[in-house]
Amino acid sequence: MTAQNRLFEDMAKLASGALGAAAGIRGEMEALFRQQMERVLHEMDLVTRDEFEVVRLMAEKARAENEALSQRIAALEAQLVQAIKAKPAAKPAAKKPAPRRQPKRPTPAS
C-alpha cells in the first residue's frame, strides 16, 4: 500500500509541476501576445486612451463655448433689432450734382 501511496504522491507532484509549468507558459504567452498587440497598435498610429480623453474634453469645452457665443450673438442681434425699431433710420440728404467743368483750352504760345 505504501508503494501505491508513493506512486500517487509522485503523480500528484508531477501533475502539480505540470500545472505550474502550464501556468508559467500561459503567463508568458499572454505577455508575448500583449507585446505583439501593442506593437501592431503602435504601427497603426492609434491614439492612447489618455490622448483621446484630452481631445474629448477639449471638444466638449469648445462645444460649450460655441453654445455660449451663439446665445450672446442672438442677444446682441435682438438688441440691434430693438435699437433699429426704436430709432427710425435717417434718410440720406439728397446730394446736389457737381457742376460740370468746361475743359481747358490750350493757350497759344507767344
N, C-alpha and C. Protein backbone atom coordinates (compact mmCIF):
# COMPACT_ATOMS: atom_id res chain seq x y z
N MET A 1 0.81 -1.17 0.00
CA MET A 1 0.00 0.00 0.00
C MET A 1 0.87 1.25 0.00
N THR A 2 2.00 1.19 0.66
CA THR A 2 2.86 2.36 0.68
C THR A 2 3.44 2.62 -0.70
N ALA A 3 3.65 1.57 -1.46
CA ALA A 3 4.16 1.77 -2.81
C ALA A 3 3.10 2.47 -3.65
N GLN A 4 1.87 2.08 -3.42
CA GLN A 4 0.78 2.69 -4.17
C GLN A 4 0.60 4.15 -3.73
N ASN A 5 0.71 4.43 -2.45
CA ASN A 5 0.61 5.81 -1.96
C ASN A 5 1.76 6.64 -2.52
N ARG A 6 2.91 6.03 -2.56
CA ARG A 6 4.06 6.74 -3.09
C ARG A 6 3.87 7.07 -4.56
N LEU A 7 3.30 6.13 -5.28
CA LEU A 7 3.03 6.33 -6.69
C LEU A 7 2.05 7.49 -6.87
N PHE A 8 1.00 7.53 -6.07
CA PHE A 8 0.04 8.62 -6.15
C PHE A 8 0.68 9.96 -5.78
N GLU A 9 1.55 9.95 -4.79
CA GLU A 9 2.25 11.18 -4.40
C GLU A 9 3.14 11.67 -5.53
N ASP A 10 3.86 10.74 -6.16
CA ASP A 10 4.72 11.12 -7.28
C ASP A 10 3.89 11.67 -8.44
N MET A 11 2.78 11.03 -8.71
CA MET A 11 1.92 11.50 -9.80
C MET A 11 1.32 12.87 -9.46
N ALA A 12 0.98 13.09 -8.20
CA ALA A 12 0.44 14.38 -7.77
C ALA A 12 1.50 15.47 -7.91
N LYS A 13 2.73 15.15 -7.52
CA LYS A 13 3.82 16.13 -7.67
C LYS A 13 4.06 16.43 -9.14
N LEU A 14 4.04 15.40 -9.96
CA LEU A 14 4.25 15.58 -11.39
C LEU A 14 3.14 16.44 -11.99
N ALA A 15 1.90 16.16 -11.58
CA ALA A 15 0.76 16.93 -12.09
C ALA A 15 0.83 18.38 -11.62
N SER A 16 1.18 18.59 -10.35
CA SER A 16 1.26 19.97 -9.87
C SER A 16 2.41 20.71 -10.55
N GLY A 17 3.51 20.01 -10.79
CA GLY A 17 4.61 20.63 -11.53
C GLY A 17 4.21 20.98 -12.94
N ALA A 18 3.46 20.09 -13.58
CA ALA A 18 2.99 20.34 -14.94
C ALA A 18 2.02 21.52 -14.97
N LEU A 19 1.14 21.58 -13.98
CA LEU A 19 0.20 22.71 -13.90
C LEU A 19 0.94 24.02 -13.66
N GLY A 20 1.96 23.98 -12.81
CA GLY A 20 2.76 25.18 -12.57
C GLY A 20 3.47 25.63 -13.83
N ALA A 21 4.02 24.66 -14.58
CA ALA A 21 4.69 24.99 -15.84
C ALA A 21 3.68 25.54 -16.84
N ALA A 22 2.50 24.93 -16.88
CA ALA A 22 1.47 25.40 -17.81
C ALA A 22 1.04 26.82 -17.46
N ALA A 23 0.92 27.11 -16.16
CA ALA A 23 0.55 28.47 -15.75
C ALA A 23 1.65 29.46 -16.13
N GLY A 24 2.90 29.05 -15.98
CA GLY A 24 4.01 29.92 -16.37
C GLY A 24 4.01 30.18 -17.87
N ILE A 25 3.78 29.12 -18.64
CA ILE A 25 3.72 29.27 -20.09
C ILE A 25 2.56 30.17 -20.48
N ARG A 26 1.44 30.00 -19.80
CA ARG A 26 0.27 30.84 -20.09
C ARG A 26 0.60 32.31 -19.84
N GLY A 27 1.25 32.60 -18.73
CA GLY A 27 1.63 33.98 -18.43
C GLY A 27 2.58 34.54 -19.47
N GLU A 28 3.54 33.72 -19.90
CA GLU A 28 4.48 34.17 -20.94
C GLU A 28 3.76 34.41 -22.26
N MET A 29 2.83 33.54 -22.61
CA MET A 29 2.08 33.71 -23.85
C MET A 29 1.22 34.97 -23.81
N GLU A 30 0.60 35.24 -22.67
CA GLU A 30 -0.20 36.46 -22.54
C GLU A 30 0.67 37.70 -22.69
N ALA A 31 1.84 37.68 -22.06
CA ALA A 31 2.75 38.82 -22.15
C ALA A 31 3.22 39.01 -23.59
N LEU A 32 3.56 37.90 -24.26
CA LEU A 32 4.01 37.98 -25.65
C LEU A 32 2.89 38.50 -26.55
N PHE A 33 1.68 38.01 -26.34
CA PHE A 33 0.53 38.47 -27.12
C PHE A 33 0.28 39.96 -26.90
N ARG A 34 0.37 40.39 -25.65
CA ARG A 34 0.16 41.80 -25.33
C ARG A 34 1.22 42.67 -26.02
N GLN A 35 2.48 42.22 -26.01
CA GLN A 35 3.54 42.97 -26.67
C GLN A 35 3.28 43.06 -28.17
N GLN A 36 2.87 41.96 -28.77
CA GLN A 36 2.59 41.96 -30.20
C GLN A 36 1.44 42.92 -30.53
N MET A 37 0.40 42.89 -29.72
CA MET A 37 -0.74 43.78 -29.96
C MET A 37 -0.34 45.24 -29.79
N GLU A 38 0.46 45.53 -28.78
CA GLU A 38 0.93 46.91 -28.58
C GLU A 38 1.77 47.36 -29.76
N ARG A 39 2.60 46.47 -30.29
CA ARG A 39 3.44 46.81 -31.45
C ARG A 39 2.56 47.09 -32.66
N VAL A 40 1.57 46.24 -32.90
CA VAL A 40 0.67 46.43 -34.04
C VAL A 40 -0.10 47.74 -33.89
N LEU A 41 -0.62 47.99 -32.71
CA LEU A 41 -1.37 49.23 -32.49
C LEU A 41 -0.48 50.45 -32.63
N HIS A 42 0.75 50.34 -32.19
CA HIS A 42 1.69 51.47 -32.33
C HIS A 42 1.98 51.73 -33.80
N GLU A 43 2.14 50.67 -34.58
CA GLU A 43 2.40 50.83 -36.01
C GLU A 43 1.19 51.42 -36.73
N MET A 44 -0.01 51.18 -36.19
CA MET A 44 -1.22 51.73 -36.80
C MET A 44 -1.38 53.20 -36.44
N ASP A 45 -0.54 53.71 -35.57
CA ASP A 45 -0.54 55.11 -35.17
C ASP A 45 -1.88 55.52 -34.55
N LEU A 46 -2.39 54.65 -33.68
CA LEU A 46 -3.62 54.95 -32.96
C LEU A 46 -3.31 55.78 -31.72
N VAL A 47 -4.29 56.53 -31.27
CA VAL A 47 -4.09 57.36 -30.08
C VAL A 47 -4.29 56.51 -28.83
N THR A 48 -3.67 56.97 -27.77
CA THR A 48 -3.85 56.29 -26.49
C THR A 48 -5.16 56.76 -25.86
N ARG A 49 -5.58 56.07 -24.85
CA ARG A 49 -6.82 56.42 -24.15
C ARG A 49 -6.69 57.81 -23.52
N ASP A 50 -5.52 58.11 -22.95
CA ASP A 50 -5.30 59.42 -22.33
C ASP A 50 -5.41 60.54 -23.36
N GLU A 51 -4.78 60.34 -24.53
CA GLU A 51 -4.85 61.36 -25.57
C GLU A 51 -6.29 61.55 -26.04
N PHE A 52 -7.01 60.45 -26.17
CA PHE A 52 -8.41 60.52 -26.60
C PHE A 52 -9.24 61.31 -25.60
N GLU A 53 -9.03 61.05 -24.32
CA GLU A 53 -9.80 61.74 -23.28
C GLU A 53 -9.50 63.23 -23.29
N VAL A 54 -8.22 63.60 -23.50
CA VAL A 54 -7.85 65.02 -23.55
C VAL A 54 -8.57 65.71 -24.71
N VAL A 55 -8.56 65.08 -25.87
CA VAL A 55 -9.20 65.68 -27.04
C VAL A 55 -10.72 65.73 -26.85
N ARG A 56 -11.30 64.71 -26.22
CA ARG A 56 -12.74 64.70 -25.97
C ARG A 56 -13.12 65.86 -25.05
N LEU A 57 -12.31 66.09 -24.01
CA LEU A 57 -12.59 67.21 -23.10
C LEU A 57 -12.45 68.55 -23.81
N MET A 58 -11.45 68.65 -24.70
CA MET A 58 -11.29 69.89 -25.47
C MET A 58 -12.50 70.12 -26.36
N ALA A 59 -13.01 69.07 -26.98
CA ALA A 59 -14.18 69.20 -27.85
C ALA A 59 -15.41 69.61 -27.04
N GLU A 60 -15.58 69.04 -25.86
CA GLU A 60 -16.72 69.42 -25.02
C GLU A 60 -16.62 70.89 -24.62
N LYS A 61 -15.42 71.34 -24.28
CA LYS A 61 -15.23 72.74 -23.89
C LYS A 61 -15.53 73.65 -25.07
N ALA A 62 -15.03 73.28 -26.26
CA ALA A 62 -15.27 74.10 -27.45
C ALA A 62 -16.76 74.14 -27.78
N ARG A 63 -17.45 73.02 -27.61
CA ARG A 63 -18.88 72.98 -27.88
C ARG A 63 -19.63 73.90 -26.91
N ALA A 64 -19.24 73.90 -25.64
CA ALA A 64 -19.89 74.76 -24.65
C ALA A 64 -19.62 76.23 -24.95
N GLU A 65 -18.38 76.55 -25.32
CA GLU A 65 -18.05 77.93 -25.67
C GLU A 65 -18.82 78.37 -26.91
N ASN A 66 -18.95 77.47 -27.88
CA ASN A 66 -19.69 77.78 -29.09
C ASN A 66 -21.15 78.07 -28.77
N GLU A 67 -21.73 77.28 -27.90
CA GLU A 67 -23.12 77.50 -27.50
C GLU A 67 -23.28 78.84 -26.79
N ALA A 68 -22.34 79.16 -25.90
CA ALA A 68 -22.41 80.44 -25.17
C ALA A 68 -22.28 81.61 -26.14
N LEU A 69 -21.37 81.49 -27.10
CA LEU A 69 -21.19 82.57 -28.08
C LEU A 69 -22.42 82.70 -28.98
N SER A 70 -23.03 81.58 -29.33
CA SER A 70 -24.25 81.64 -30.14
C SER A 70 -25.36 82.37 -29.40
N GLN A 71 -25.50 82.10 -28.12
CA GLN A 71 -26.51 82.79 -27.32
C GLN A 71 -26.19 84.28 -27.21
N ARG A 72 -24.92 84.59 -27.07
CA ARG A 72 -24.52 86.01 -26.97
C ARG A 72 -24.81 86.74 -28.28
N ILE A 73 -24.51 86.09 -29.40
CA ILE A 73 -24.79 86.70 -30.70
C ILE A 73 -26.29 86.92 -30.87
N ALA A 74 -27.08 85.94 -30.48
CA ALA A 74 -28.54 86.08 -30.59
C ALA A 74 -29.03 87.25 -29.74
N ALA A 75 -28.49 87.42 -28.54
CA ALA A 75 -28.89 88.53 -27.67
C ALA A 75 -28.49 89.86 -28.29
N LEU A 76 -27.28 89.94 -28.84
CA LEU A 76 -26.83 91.19 -29.46
C LEU A 76 -27.67 91.52 -30.70
N GLU A 77 -28.02 90.50 -31.47
CA GLU A 77 -28.86 90.74 -32.64
C GLU A 77 -30.24 91.24 -32.22
N ALA A 78 -30.77 90.70 -31.14
CA ALA A 78 -32.07 91.16 -30.64
C ALA A 78 -31.98 92.62 -30.19
N GLN A 79 -30.90 92.97 -29.52
CA GLN A 79 -30.71 94.36 -29.09
C GLN A 79 -30.60 95.28 -30.31
N LEU A 80 -29.92 94.82 -31.34
CA LEU A 80 -29.76 95.62 -32.55
C LEU A 80 -31.11 95.84 -33.23
N VAL A 81 -31.91 94.81 -33.29
CA VAL A 81 -33.24 94.93 -33.89
C VAL A 81 -34.08 95.92 -33.09
N GLN A 82 -34.03 95.86 -31.78
CA GLN A 82 -34.80 96.79 -30.94
C GLN A 82 -34.30 98.22 -31.15
N ALA A 83 -32.99 98.39 -31.25
CA ALA A 83 -32.44 99.73 -31.45
C ALA A 83 -32.86 100.29 -32.81
N ILE A 84 -32.90 99.44 -33.81
CA ILE A 84 -33.30 99.90 -35.14
C ILE A 84 -34.78 100.27 -35.15
N LYS A 85 -35.61 99.50 -34.47
CA LYS A 85 -37.04 99.80 -34.42
C LYS A 85 -37.31 101.07 -33.61
N ALA A 86 -36.55 101.31 -32.57
CA ALA A 86 -36.76 102.48 -31.72
C ALA A 86 -36.34 103.76 -32.42
N LYS A 87 -35.32 103.72 -33.21
CA LYS A 87 -34.81 104.92 -33.88
C LYS A 87 -34.93 104.70 -35.38
N PRO A 88 -35.86 105.41 -36.01
CA PRO A 88 -36.01 105.20 -37.45
C PRO A 88 -34.75 105.68 -38.17
N ALA A 89 -34.47 105.02 -39.22
CA ALA A 89 -33.27 105.34 -39.98
C ALA A 89 -33.41 106.72 -40.61
N ALA A 90 -32.38 107.53 -40.50
CA ALA A 90 -32.39 108.87 -41.09
C ALA A 90 -32.25 108.72 -42.60
N LYS A 91 -33.07 109.50 -43.31
CA LYS A 91 -32.98 109.44 -44.77
C LYS A 91 -31.76 110.23 -45.19
N PRO A 92 -31.01 109.70 -46.09
CA PRO A 92 -29.84 110.44 -46.54
C PRO A 92 -30.27 111.68 -47.31
N ALA A 93 -29.56 112.78 -47.08
CA ALA A 93 -29.87 114.03 -47.77
C ALA A 93 -29.51 113.88 -49.23
N ALA A 94 -30.36 114.52 -50.06
CA ALA A 94 -30.10 114.44 -51.50
C ALA A 94 -28.85 115.25 -51.82
N LYS A 95 -27.99 114.66 -52.57
CA LYS A 95 -26.76 115.36 -52.94
C LYS A 95 -27.01 116.19 -54.19
N LYS A 96 -26.42 117.36 -54.17
CA LYS A 96 -26.52 118.22 -55.34
C LYS A 96 -25.53 117.70 -56.37
N PRO A 97 -25.94 117.74 -57.60
CA PRO A 97 -24.99 117.28 -58.62
C PRO A 97 -23.83 118.25 -58.73
N ALA A 98 -22.68 117.71 -58.94
CA ALA A 98 -21.47 118.54 -59.06
C ALA A 98 -21.55 119.34 -60.36
N PRO A 99 -21.10 120.62 -60.31
CA PRO A 99 -21.15 121.43 -61.54
C PRO A 99 -20.20 120.85 -62.59
N ARG A 100 -20.63 121.00 -63.83
CA ARG A 100 -19.79 120.50 -64.91
C ARG A 100 -18.69 121.50 -65.20
N ARG A 101 -17.56 120.98 -65.39
CA ARG A 101 -16.43 121.86 -65.71
C ARG A 101 -16.21 121.85 -67.21
N GLN A 102 -15.84 123.02 -67.67
CA GLN A 102 -15.51 123.15 -69.08
C GLN A 102 -14.06 122.72 -69.26
N PRO A 103 -13.80 121.96 -70.27
CA PRO A 103 -12.40 121.56 -70.49
C PRO A 103 -11.55 122.78 -70.82
N LYS A 104 -10.35 122.78 -70.33
CA LYS A 104 -9.45 123.91 -70.59
C LYS A 104 -8.97 123.84 -72.03
N ARG A 105 -8.92 125.07 -72.62
CA ARG A 105 -8.43 125.13 -74.00
C ARG A 105 -6.96 125.49 -73.95
N PRO A 106 -6.23 124.89 -74.79
CA PRO A 106 -4.80 125.22 -74.80
C PRO A 106 -4.59 126.67 -75.23
N THR A 107 -3.67 127.35 -74.57
CA THR A 107 -3.37 128.74 -74.92
C THR A 107 -2.26 128.76 -75.96
N PRO A 108 -2.37 129.71 -76.93
CA PRO A 108 -1.31 129.77 -77.96
C PRO A 108 -0.01 130.26 -77.34
N ALA A 109 1.03 129.66 -77.76
CA ALA A 109 2.36 130.02 -77.25
C ALA A 109 2.80 131.32 -77.89
N SER A 110 3.44 132.24 -77.19
CA SER A 110 3.83 133.51 -77.76
C SER A 110 5.20 133.48 -78.32
